[in-house]
Amino acid sequence: MLKYFRRREKRKLYRQWVERSGLSPDAIPREEAAEERISPKHKQLLHVHAEDKQQSRLYILYILLGVSLVILCAGLILLIVHSS
C-alpha cells in the first residue's frame, strides 16, 4: 500500500513539473523507467520532499495528541468537581 502512495506522489510531482516548466506531457517518464531517468539531484529532492511531508504529519499528530490530552484532563477535572 505504501508503494501505491509513493507512485501516486511521483505522478503528481511529474505533472507539476510538466505544468510549471512548460514541458510536453511526453516528458513524463514511464513508471518502470522512472527511477532510471531521474537525476540524482531530483532523487534527492524527492527524498527531501517525502521527509518534509512525513515530519509535518508527525507534527500534526503530536498536536492532536496534545489537544486530546488537554480535553481529557479538563473532562476529568469537571467530572471530579461536579461529583463532589
Protein backbone atom coordinates (compact mmCIF):
# COMPACT_ATOMS: atom_id res chain seq x y z
CA MET A 1 0.00 0.00 0.00
CA LEU A 2 2.90 2.34 0.75
CA LYS A 3 4.26 1.80 -2.77
CA TYR A 4 0.95 2.94 -4.19
CA PHE A 5 1.15 6.25 -2.34
CA ARG A 6 4.79 6.75 -3.38
CA ARG A 7 3.92 6.15 -7.03
CA ARG A 8 0.94 8.48 -6.71
CA GLU A 9 3.14 11.21 -5.21
CA LYS A 10 5.69 10.77 -8.00
CA ARG A 11 3.00 11.03 -10.67
CA LYS A 12 1.67 14.18 -9.06
CA LEU A 13 5.17 15.63 -8.86
CA TYR A 14 5.81 14.86 -12.53
CA ARG A 15 2.54 16.53 -13.51
CA GLN A 16 3.52 19.61 -11.53
CA TRP A 17 6.93 19.72 -13.24
CA VAL A 18 5.27 19.50 -16.65
CA GLU A 19 2.73 22.20 -15.81
CA ARG A 20 5.15 24.65 -14.24
CA SER A 21 8.07 24.21 -16.61
CA GLY A 22 6.03 24.16 -19.81
CA LEU A 23 7.24 20.73 -20.88
CA SER A 24 5.19 18.48 -23.08
CA PRO A 25 3.29 15.63 -21.39
CA ASP A 26 5.61 13.21 -23.20
CA ALA A 27 8.36 14.34 -20.86
CA ILE A 28 6.83 12.32 -18.03
CA PRO A 29 8.75 9.04 -17.76
CA ARG A 30 7.01 5.69 -17.76
CA GLU A 31 6.54 4.02 -14.37
CA GLU A 32 9.07 1.23 -14.86
CA ALA A 33 11.79 3.55 -16.17
CA ALA A 34 11.07 6.47 -13.86
CA GLU A 35 13.79 5.68 -11.33
CA GLU A 36 16.45 5.28 -14.01
CA ARG A 37 15.64 8.58 -15.73
CA ILE A 38 15.58 10.75 -12.63
CA SER A 39 18.85 12.53 -12.00
CA PRO A 40 20.50 12.08 -8.60
CA LYS A 41 19.69 15.71 -7.79
CA HIS A 42 15.99 15.14 -8.42
CA LYS A 43 16.05 11.87 -6.47
CA GLN A 44 17.44 13.81 -3.53
CA LEU A 45 14.70 16.43 -3.92
CA LEU A 46 12.04 13.70 -3.94
CA HIS A 47 13.56 12.18 -0.82
CA VAL A 48 13.70 15.56 0.96
CA HIS A 49 10.09 16.27 -0.05
CA ALA A 50 8.96 12.92 1.37
CA GLU A 51 10.82 13.55 4.63
CA ASP A 52 9.30 17.02 4.98
CA LYS A 53 5.84 15.64 4.42
CA GLN A 54 6.40 12.90 6.98
CA GLN A 55 7.68 15.40 9.54
CA SER A 56 4.69 17.66 9.04
CA ARG A 57 2.36 14.69 9.53
CA LEU A 58 4.12 13.80 12.77
CA TYR A 59 3.85 17.41 13.90
CA ILE A 60 0.10 17.39 13.28
CA LEU A 61 -0.21 14.05 15.07
CA TYR A 62 1.58 15.41 18.13
CA ILE A 63 -0.64 18.49 18.17
CA LEU A 64 -3.78 16.35 18.00
CA LEU A 65 -2.46 14.11 20.76
CA GLY A 66 -1.74 17.12 22.98
CA VAL A 67 -5.15 18.65 22.37
CA SER A 68 -6.90 15.36 23.14
CA LEU A 69 -4.94 15.02 26.41
CA VAL A 70 -5.92 18.55 27.43
CA ILE A 71 -9.59 17.81 26.67
CA LEU A 72 -9.38 14.53 28.62
CA CYS A 73 -7.83 16.25 31.65
CA ALA A 74 -10.41 19.04 31.53
CA GLY A 75 -13.20 16.45 31.37
CA LEU A 76 -11.81 14.56 34.34
CA ILE A 77 -11.47 17.77 36.36
CA LEU A 78 -15.06 18.74 35.55
CA LEU A 79 -16.26 15.26 36.49
CA ILE A 80 -14.47 15.40 39.84
CA VAL A 81 -15.72 18.93 40.60
CA HIS A 82 -19.34 18.13 39.75
CA SER A 83 -19.37 14.85 41.68
CA SER A 84 -18.45 16.44 44.99
